[in-house]
N, C-alpha and C. Protein backbone atom coordinates (compact mmCIF):
# COMPACT_ATOMS: atom_id res chain seq x y z
N MET A 1 -10.74 7.66 9.31
CA MET A 1 -11.09 7.23 7.97
C MET A 1 -12.49 7.75 7.63
N TYR A 2 -12.68 8.03 6.39
CA TYR A 2 -13.94 8.60 5.95
C TYR A 2 -14.52 7.71 4.87
N ALA A 3 -14.87 6.50 5.26
CA ALA A 3 -15.26 5.47 4.30
C ALA A 3 -16.66 5.66 3.77
N LYS A 4 -17.50 6.44 4.45
CA LYS A 4 -18.87 6.58 3.98
C LYS A 4 -18.97 7.46 2.73
N ASP A 5 -18.00 8.29 2.51
CA ASP A 5 -18.02 9.21 1.39
C ASP A 5 -17.11 8.69 0.29
N TYR A 6 -17.67 8.35 -0.85
CA TYR A 6 -16.88 7.75 -1.92
C TYR A 6 -16.12 8.77 -2.76
N ARG A 7 -16.15 10.05 -2.35
CA ARG A 7 -15.28 11.02 -3.01
C ARG A 7 -13.83 10.72 -2.68
N TYR A 8 -13.61 9.97 -1.63
CA TYR A 8 -12.25 9.68 -1.19
C TYR A 8 -11.61 8.55 -1.98
N ILE A 9 -12.31 8.01 -2.96
CA ILE A 9 -11.71 6.98 -3.81
C ILE A 9 -10.57 7.60 -4.62
N GLY A 10 -10.67 8.89 -4.89
CA GLY A 10 -9.58 9.59 -5.57
C GLY A 10 -8.31 9.58 -4.75
N MET A 11 -8.47 9.73 -3.42
CA MET A 11 -7.31 9.65 -2.54
C MET A 11 -6.71 8.26 -2.56
N LYS A 12 -7.55 7.25 -2.64
CA LYS A 12 -7.05 5.88 -2.70
C LYS A 12 -6.28 5.64 -4.00
N ILE A 13 -6.75 6.22 -5.09
CA ILE A 13 -6.05 6.08 -6.37
C ILE A 13 -4.68 6.76 -6.29
N ILE A 14 -4.64 7.95 -5.72
CA ILE A 14 -3.35 8.64 -5.55
C ILE A 14 -2.45 7.82 -4.62
N ALA A 15 -3.04 7.26 -3.56
CA ALA A 15 -2.26 6.43 -2.63
C ALA A 15 -1.70 5.20 -3.33
N VAL A 16 -2.45 4.64 -4.28
CA VAL A 16 -1.95 3.49 -5.04
C VAL A 16 -0.71 3.88 -5.84
N PHE A 17 -0.77 5.02 -6.53
CA PHE A 17 0.38 5.45 -7.33
C PHE A 17 1.60 5.75 -6.45
N VAL A 18 1.39 6.48 -5.36
CA VAL A 18 2.51 6.83 -4.48
C VAL A 18 3.08 5.58 -3.82
N SER A 19 2.21 4.68 -3.35
CA SER A 19 2.67 3.45 -2.70
C SER A 19 3.42 2.55 -3.68
N THR A 20 2.94 2.48 -4.91
CA THR A 20 3.63 1.70 -5.94
C THR A 20 5.02 2.27 -6.18
N LEU A 21 5.10 3.57 -6.28
CA LEU A 21 6.39 4.22 -6.49
C LEU A 21 7.35 3.94 -5.33
N ILE A 22 6.88 4.08 -4.10
CA ILE A 22 7.73 3.85 -2.93
C ILE A 22 8.22 2.41 -2.87
N LEU A 23 7.29 1.46 -2.98
CA LEU A 23 7.67 0.05 -2.86
C LEU A 23 8.55 -0.40 -4.03
N SER A 24 8.28 0.09 -5.23
CA SER A 24 9.11 -0.27 -6.39
C SER A 24 10.51 0.31 -6.28
N LEU A 25 10.61 1.55 -5.83
CA LEU A 25 11.94 2.14 -5.65
C LEU A 25 12.74 1.40 -4.59
N TYR A 26 12.08 1.04 -3.49
CA TYR A 26 12.78 0.29 -2.45
C TYR A 26 13.21 -1.09 -2.95
N GLY A 27 12.31 -1.79 -3.63
CA GLY A 27 12.64 -3.11 -4.16
C GLY A 27 13.76 -3.05 -5.19
N SER A 28 13.75 -2.02 -6.01
CA SER A 28 14.81 -1.85 -7.01
C SER A 28 16.14 -1.55 -6.34
N TRP A 29 16.11 -0.74 -5.32
CA TRP A 29 17.34 -0.42 -4.58
C TRP A 29 17.92 -1.66 -3.93
N ARG A 30 17.04 -2.52 -3.38
CA ARG A 30 17.50 -3.75 -2.73
C ARG A 30 18.07 -4.76 -3.74
N ALA A 31 17.48 -4.82 -4.93
CA ALA A 31 17.89 -5.83 -5.92
C ALA A 31 19.04 -5.37 -6.81
N TYR A 32 19.32 -4.10 -6.82
CA TYR A 32 20.36 -3.57 -7.71
C TYR A 32 21.75 -3.98 -7.22
N THR A 33 22.58 -4.38 -8.16
CA THR A 33 23.98 -4.70 -7.85
C THR A 33 24.85 -3.58 -8.41
N PRO A 34 25.57 -2.87 -7.55
CA PRO A 34 26.44 -1.79 -8.04
C PRO A 34 27.52 -2.33 -8.98
N GLU A 35 27.99 -1.49 -9.85
CA GLU A 35 28.99 -1.92 -10.84
C GLU A 35 30.27 -2.41 -10.18
N SER A 36 30.60 -1.87 -9.03
CA SER A 36 31.84 -2.29 -8.35
C SER A 36 31.73 -3.71 -7.79
N ASP A 37 30.50 -4.19 -7.55
CA ASP A 37 30.31 -5.54 -7.00
C ASP A 37 29.99 -6.59 -8.06
N ARG A 38 29.89 -6.19 -9.30
CA ARG A 38 29.49 -7.12 -10.36
C ARG A 38 30.65 -8.03 -10.74
N VAL A 39 30.28 -9.26 -11.09
CA VAL A 39 31.24 -10.27 -11.53
C VAL A 39 31.20 -10.32 -13.06
N SER A 40 32.32 -10.57 -13.67
CA SER A 40 32.34 -10.63 -15.14
C SER A 40 31.61 -11.88 -15.63
N ASP A 41 31.11 -11.81 -16.82
CA ASP A 41 30.38 -12.90 -17.48
C ASP A 41 29.05 -13.24 -16.80
N VAL A 42 28.49 -12.30 -16.07
CA VAL A 42 27.18 -12.47 -15.45
C VAL A 42 26.32 -11.28 -15.88
N GLY A 43 25.09 -11.56 -16.28
CA GLY A 43 24.21 -10.49 -16.71
C GLY A 43 23.53 -9.80 -15.54
N TYR A 44 23.46 -8.49 -15.58
CA TYR A 44 22.82 -7.71 -14.53
C TYR A 44 21.85 -6.73 -15.18
N TYR A 45 20.80 -6.40 -14.44
CA TYR A 45 19.86 -5.39 -14.89
C TYR A 45 20.27 -4.04 -14.33
N SER A 46 19.94 -3.00 -15.06
CA SER A 46 20.17 -1.65 -14.55
C SER A 46 19.10 -1.34 -13.50
N PHE A 47 19.29 -0.26 -12.79
CA PHE A 47 18.30 0.14 -11.78
C PHE A 47 16.95 0.39 -12.44
N GLY A 48 16.96 1.07 -13.58
CA GLY A 48 15.72 1.33 -14.30
C GLY A 48 15.05 0.06 -14.81
N GLY A 49 15.85 -0.91 -15.22
CA GLY A 49 15.28 -2.19 -15.66
C GLY A 49 14.62 -2.94 -14.53
N ILE A 50 15.26 -2.95 -13.38
CA ILE A 50 14.67 -3.62 -12.21
C ILE A 50 13.39 -2.90 -11.80
N PHE A 51 13.43 -1.57 -11.83
CA PHE A 51 12.26 -0.78 -11.47
C PHE A 51 11.10 -1.07 -12.42
N ALA A 52 11.38 -1.12 -13.72
CA ALA A 52 10.34 -1.39 -14.71
C ALA A 52 9.72 -2.77 -14.53
N ILE A 53 10.54 -3.73 -14.17
CA ILE A 53 10.03 -5.09 -13.95
C ILE A 53 9.13 -5.14 -12.71
N GLN A 54 9.45 -4.37 -11.69
CA GLN A 54 8.71 -4.44 -10.44
C GLN A 54 7.45 -3.58 -10.42
N VAL A 55 7.41 -2.51 -11.19
CA VAL A 55 6.28 -1.58 -11.12
C VAL A 55 4.96 -2.24 -11.50
N VAL A 56 4.93 -2.99 -12.56
CA VAL A 56 3.67 -3.53 -13.08
C VAL A 56 2.98 -4.48 -12.09
N PRO A 57 3.63 -5.52 -11.58
CA PRO A 57 2.91 -6.40 -10.65
C PRO A 57 2.56 -5.71 -9.33
N ILE A 58 3.44 -4.83 -8.86
CA ILE A 58 3.14 -4.11 -7.62
C ILE A 58 1.95 -3.19 -7.83
N PHE A 59 1.89 -2.51 -8.97
CA PHE A 59 0.77 -1.62 -9.27
C PHE A 59 -0.54 -2.38 -9.30
N PHE A 60 -0.57 -3.53 -9.97
CA PHE A 60 -1.81 -4.29 -10.04
C PHE A 60 -2.21 -4.88 -8.69
N ALA A 61 -1.24 -5.25 -7.88
CA ALA A 61 -1.56 -5.72 -6.53
C ALA A 61 -2.17 -4.59 -5.71
N PHE A 62 -1.63 -3.39 -5.84
CA PHE A 62 -2.20 -2.25 -5.13
C PHE A 62 -3.58 -1.88 -5.67
N ILE A 63 -3.78 -2.01 -6.98
CA ILE A 63 -5.10 -1.73 -7.56
C ILE A 63 -6.13 -2.68 -6.97
N ILE A 64 -5.82 -3.97 -6.97
CA ILE A 64 -6.77 -4.96 -6.47
C ILE A 64 -7.00 -4.80 -4.98
N LEU A 65 -5.92 -4.71 -4.23
CA LEU A 65 -6.05 -4.68 -2.78
C LEU A 65 -6.34 -3.28 -2.25
N GLY A 66 -5.80 -2.26 -2.91
CA GLY A 66 -5.96 -0.91 -2.41
C GLY A 66 -7.25 -0.24 -2.81
N ILE A 67 -7.65 -0.42 -4.05
CA ILE A 67 -8.85 0.27 -4.51
C ILE A 67 -10.10 -0.60 -4.35
N MET A 68 -9.96 -1.90 -4.51
CA MET A 68 -11.14 -2.76 -4.43
C MET A 68 -11.45 -3.23 -3.01
N LEU A 69 -10.44 -3.67 -2.27
CA LEU A 69 -10.69 -4.20 -0.93
C LEU A 69 -10.62 -3.16 0.17
N SER A 70 -9.81 -2.14 -0.01
CA SER A 70 -9.64 -1.13 1.03
C SER A 70 -10.94 -0.39 1.38
N PRO A 71 -11.75 0.05 0.43
CA PRO A 71 -13.01 0.70 0.81
C PRO A 71 -13.94 -0.24 1.58
N PHE A 72 -13.93 -1.51 1.23
CA PHE A 72 -14.75 -2.49 1.96
C PHE A 72 -14.29 -2.59 3.41
N ILE A 73 -12.98 -2.69 3.61
CA ILE A 73 -12.44 -2.81 4.97
C ILE A 73 -12.68 -1.51 5.74
N ASP A 74 -12.47 -0.37 5.09
CA ASP A 74 -12.70 0.91 5.76
C ASP A 74 -14.15 1.05 6.19
N THR A 75 -15.07 0.70 5.31
CA THR A 75 -16.49 0.79 5.64
C THR A 75 -16.86 -0.16 6.77
N MET A 76 -16.34 -1.37 6.73
CA MET A 76 -16.62 -2.34 7.79
C MET A 76 -16.12 -1.82 9.14
N ILE A 77 -14.92 -1.30 9.18
CA ILE A 77 -14.37 -0.78 10.43
C ILE A 77 -15.14 0.46 10.87
N PHE A 78 -15.47 1.32 9.92
CA PHE A 78 -16.19 2.55 10.24
C PHE A 78 -17.56 2.24 10.85
N ASN A 79 -18.23 1.21 10.34
CA ASN A 79 -19.57 0.88 10.83
C ASN A 79 -19.57 0.02 12.08
N LYS A 80 -18.60 -0.85 12.27
CA LYS A 80 -18.66 -1.82 13.36
C LYS A 80 -17.79 -1.48 14.56
N PHE A 81 -16.76 -0.65 14.36
CA PHE A 81 -15.82 -0.37 15.44
C PHE A 81 -15.71 1.13 15.67
N HIS A 82 -15.14 1.45 16.81
CA HIS A 82 -14.83 2.84 17.13
C HIS A 82 -13.67 3.27 16.25
N SER A 83 -13.89 4.25 15.38
CA SER A 83 -12.86 4.57 14.39
C SER A 83 -12.29 5.98 14.55
N GLU A 84 -12.23 6.47 15.79
CA GLU A 84 -11.66 7.80 16.01
C GLU A 84 -10.54 7.71 17.03
N GLY A 85 -9.58 8.60 16.89
CA GLY A 85 -8.49 8.66 17.85
C GLY A 85 -7.49 7.54 17.69
N VAL A 86 -6.74 7.31 18.77
CA VAL A 86 -5.69 6.30 18.75
C VAL A 86 -6.28 4.90 18.62
N LYS A 87 -7.40 4.68 19.29
CA LYS A 87 -8.05 3.36 19.22
C LYS A 87 -8.48 3.04 17.79
N GLY A 88 -9.00 4.02 17.09
CA GLY A 88 -9.38 3.82 15.69
C GLY A 88 -8.19 3.58 14.80
N LEU A 89 -7.10 4.31 15.06
CA LEU A 89 -5.88 4.11 14.28
C LEU A 89 -5.33 2.71 14.48
N ILE A 90 -5.33 2.23 15.71
CA ILE A 90 -4.86 0.87 16.00
C ILE A 90 -5.75 -0.15 15.31
N THR A 91 -7.06 0.10 15.29
CA THR A 91 -7.99 -0.80 14.61
C THR A 91 -7.67 -0.88 13.12
N PHE A 92 -7.42 0.27 12.50
CA PHE A 92 -7.08 0.28 11.08
C PHE A 92 -5.75 -0.40 10.81
N VAL A 93 -4.76 -0.18 11.67
CA VAL A 93 -3.46 -0.81 11.48
C VAL A 93 -3.60 -2.33 11.56
N ILE A 94 -4.34 -2.82 12.55
CA ILE A 94 -4.54 -4.27 12.69
C ILE A 94 -5.28 -4.83 11.47
N ALA A 95 -6.30 -4.10 11.00
CA ALA A 95 -7.06 -4.57 9.84
C ALA A 95 -6.17 -4.64 8.59
N TYR A 96 -5.35 -3.63 8.39
CA TYR A 96 -4.47 -3.64 7.22
C TYR A 96 -3.35 -4.66 7.36
N LEU A 97 -2.89 -4.92 8.59
CA LEU A 97 -1.92 -6.00 8.80
C LEU A 97 -2.53 -7.34 8.42
N LEU A 98 -3.78 -7.57 8.85
CA LEU A 98 -4.46 -8.82 8.49
C LEU A 98 -4.68 -8.90 6.98
N LEU A 99 -5.01 -7.77 6.37
CA LEU A 99 -5.16 -7.75 4.91
C LEU A 99 -3.84 -8.12 4.24
N GLY A 100 -2.73 -7.65 4.78
CA GLY A 100 -1.42 -7.99 4.24
C GLY A 100 -1.11 -9.47 4.37
N VAL A 101 -1.44 -10.05 5.53
CA VAL A 101 -1.18 -11.49 5.73
C VAL A 101 -2.03 -12.32 4.77
N VAL A 102 -3.32 -12.00 4.69
CA VAL A 102 -4.21 -12.75 3.80
C VAL A 102 -3.78 -12.57 2.34
N SER A 103 -3.38 -11.37 1.98
CA SER A 103 -2.91 -11.12 0.61
C SER A 103 -1.65 -11.91 0.30
N GLY A 104 -0.73 -11.97 1.25
CA GLY A 104 0.49 -12.75 1.05
C GLY A 104 0.21 -14.22 0.86
N ILE A 105 -0.72 -14.74 1.63
CA ILE A 105 -1.10 -16.15 1.48
C ILE A 105 -1.75 -16.38 0.12
N MET A 106 -2.64 -15.46 -0.29
CA MET A 106 -3.30 -15.60 -1.59
C MET A 106 -2.29 -15.53 -2.74
N ILE A 107 -1.33 -14.62 -2.64
CA ILE A 107 -0.32 -14.49 -3.70
C ILE A 107 0.55 -15.73 -3.77
N SER A 108 0.93 -16.27 -2.61
CA SER A 108 1.78 -17.47 -2.63
C SER A 108 1.02 -18.68 -3.18
N ILE A 109 -0.27 -18.76 -2.91
CA ILE A 109 -1.08 -19.84 -3.49
C ILE A 109 -1.24 -19.62 -5.00
N PHE A 110 -1.43 -18.35 -5.41
CA PHE A 110 -1.58 -18.04 -6.83
C PHE A 110 -0.34 -18.44 -7.62
N PHE A 111 0.84 -18.19 -7.06
CA PHE A 111 2.09 -18.55 -7.73
C PHE A 111 2.52 -19.98 -7.43
N ARG A 112 1.70 -20.71 -6.69
CA ARG A 112 1.98 -22.10 -6.30
C ARG A 112 3.34 -22.22 -5.61
N ARG A 113 3.60 -21.28 -4.73
CA ARG A 113 4.85 -21.24 -3.97
C ARG A 113 4.50 -21.22 -2.48
N VAL A 114 3.94 -22.30 -1.99
CA VAL A 114 3.53 -22.38 -0.60
C VAL A 114 4.73 -22.27 0.34
N ASP A 115 5.91 -22.62 -0.17
CA ASP A 115 7.11 -22.50 0.65
C ASP A 115 7.53 -21.04 0.86
N SER A 116 6.94 -20.12 0.11
CA SER A 116 7.29 -18.70 0.22
C SER A 116 6.20 -17.86 0.87
N ILE A 117 5.36 -18.46 1.68
CA ILE A 117 4.27 -17.72 2.32
C ILE A 117 4.83 -16.59 3.18
N LEU A 118 5.88 -16.85 3.93
CA LEU A 118 6.46 -15.83 4.80
C LEU A 118 6.99 -14.65 3.99
N PHE A 119 7.66 -14.93 2.88
CA PHE A 119 8.19 -13.85 2.03
C PHE A 119 7.06 -13.00 1.46
N PHE A 120 6.05 -13.65 0.86
CA PHE A 120 4.95 -12.90 0.26
C PHE A 120 4.12 -12.18 1.32
N SER A 121 3.95 -12.79 2.49
CA SER A 121 3.20 -12.12 3.56
C SER A 121 3.95 -10.89 4.05
N THR A 122 5.26 -11.00 4.21
CA THR A 122 6.05 -9.85 4.64
C THR A 122 5.98 -8.73 3.61
N LEU A 123 6.09 -9.08 2.35
CA LEU A 123 5.99 -8.09 1.28
C LEU A 123 4.60 -7.44 1.25
N SER A 124 3.57 -8.25 1.43
CA SER A 124 2.20 -7.72 1.42
C SER A 124 1.91 -6.85 2.63
N ILE A 125 2.42 -7.24 3.79
CA ILE A 125 2.24 -6.42 4.99
C ILE A 125 2.94 -5.08 4.82
N THR A 126 4.14 -5.11 4.27
CA THR A 126 4.87 -3.86 4.02
C THR A 126 4.09 -2.96 3.06
N GLY A 127 3.57 -3.55 2.00
CA GLY A 127 2.77 -2.79 1.04
C GLY A 127 1.50 -2.23 1.66
N ALA A 128 0.83 -3.02 2.49
CA ALA A 128 -0.40 -2.56 3.15
C ALA A 128 -0.11 -1.41 4.10
N MET A 129 0.99 -1.49 4.83
CA MET A 129 1.34 -0.40 5.76
C MET A 129 1.74 0.87 5.01
N ILE A 130 2.47 0.71 3.91
CA ILE A 130 2.82 1.89 3.10
C ILE A 130 1.56 2.53 2.56
N PHE A 131 0.64 1.71 2.05
CA PHE A 131 -0.62 2.22 1.52
C PHE A 131 -1.41 2.95 2.60
N LEU A 132 -1.49 2.37 3.80
CA LEU A 132 -2.25 2.99 4.89
C LEU A 132 -1.64 4.32 5.29
N VAL A 133 -0.32 4.38 5.42
CA VAL A 133 0.34 5.63 5.81
C VAL A 133 0.13 6.71 4.75
N VAL A 134 0.32 6.35 3.49
CA VAL A 134 0.13 7.32 2.40
C VAL A 134 -1.32 7.79 2.38
N GLN A 135 -2.26 6.88 2.56
CA GLN A 135 -3.67 7.22 2.56
C GLN A 135 -4.00 8.16 3.72
N LEU A 136 -3.48 7.90 4.90
CA LEU A 136 -3.74 8.75 6.06
C LEU A 136 -3.13 10.14 5.87
N VAL A 137 -1.94 10.21 5.31
CA VAL A 137 -1.31 11.51 5.06
C VAL A 137 -2.12 12.30 4.03
N LEU A 138 -2.57 11.65 2.97
CA LEU A 138 -3.38 12.33 1.96
C LEU A 138 -4.70 12.81 2.54
N GLN A 139 -5.34 11.98 3.36
CA GLN A 139 -6.60 12.40 3.97
C GLN A 139 -6.40 13.59 4.90
N ASP A 140 -5.32 13.57 5.66
CA ASP A 140 -5.04 14.68 6.56
C ASP A 140 -4.79 15.96 5.77
N MET A 141 -4.01 15.86 4.70
CA MET A 141 -3.74 17.04 3.87
C MET A 141 -5.02 17.56 3.22
N PHE A 142 -5.87 16.65 2.75
CA PHE A 142 -7.11 17.05 2.09
C PHE A 142 -8.04 17.75 3.07
N HIS A 143 -8.16 17.22 4.28
CA HIS A 143 -9.09 17.81 5.25
C HIS A 143 -8.57 19.12 5.81
N LYS A 144 -7.26 19.29 5.94
CA LYS A 144 -6.72 20.58 6.37
C LYS A 144 -6.95 21.63 5.29
N ARG A 145 -6.75 21.24 4.04
CA ARG A 145 -6.97 22.17 2.94
C ARG A 145 -8.45 22.53 2.83
N ARG A 146 -9.30 21.55 3.02
CA ARG A 146 -10.74 21.77 2.93
C ARG A 146 -11.21 22.68 4.06
N ALA A 147 -10.64 22.51 5.26
CA ALA A 147 -11.01 23.35 6.39
C ALA A 147 -10.53 24.78 6.18
N MET A 148 -9.39 24.96 5.52
CA MET A 148 -8.89 26.31 5.24
C MET A 148 -9.73 26.99 4.17
N ASP A 149 -10.20 26.23 3.19
CA ASP A 149 -11.02 26.81 2.12
C ASP A 149 -12.39 27.22 2.63
N ASP A 150 -12.96 26.46 3.54
CA ASP A 150 -14.29 26.72 4.07
C ASP A 150 -14.22 26.69 5.59
N PRO A 151 -13.93 27.83 6.25
CA PRO A 151 -13.75 27.81 7.70
C PRO A 151 -15.03 27.49 8.47
N LYS A 152 -16.20 27.64 7.86
CA LYS A 152 -17.45 27.32 8.55
C LYS A 152 -17.65 25.83 8.71
N GLN A 153 -17.05 25.07 7.83
CA GLN A 153 -17.25 23.62 7.83
C GLN A 153 -16.13 22.95 8.60
N ASN A 154 -16.44 22.35 9.71
CA ASN A 154 -15.45 21.64 10.52
C ASN A 154 -15.63 20.15 10.30
N VAL A 155 -14.83 19.60 9.44
CA VAL A 155 -14.93 18.18 9.11
C VAL A 155 -13.96 17.40 9.92
């Protein structure tokens, strides 16, 4: 992670859009009822309708947690822990897992659904892991491209 350089906030913004798209598509696929399974006299949403309903709250959750809290967590890990290699990757995974659990608890309290803490925590952990993977892939692509553009600079 390269938390000391705030040029990488652009990567976090791209990661928010890609993560929102992935999680919304998956959620829409899970909630969609195929026409062959539909019962008469019951209203169903189309795949696009389900997707449209899910995109907005997922996007804002990623904005709050991905763009606002993620740089704070990255900087904290970068400054306090060993953040290179497999050990650093495990540290980031654990931190983002904890962020997912805390986010799930906060969301369930916000919606006053304390009985759904496990559901919201699972959803938040999934979102945090998707965000972390997308962010790591984008950082890797950016640094490989940057190294190819300027071979003297080994970042």
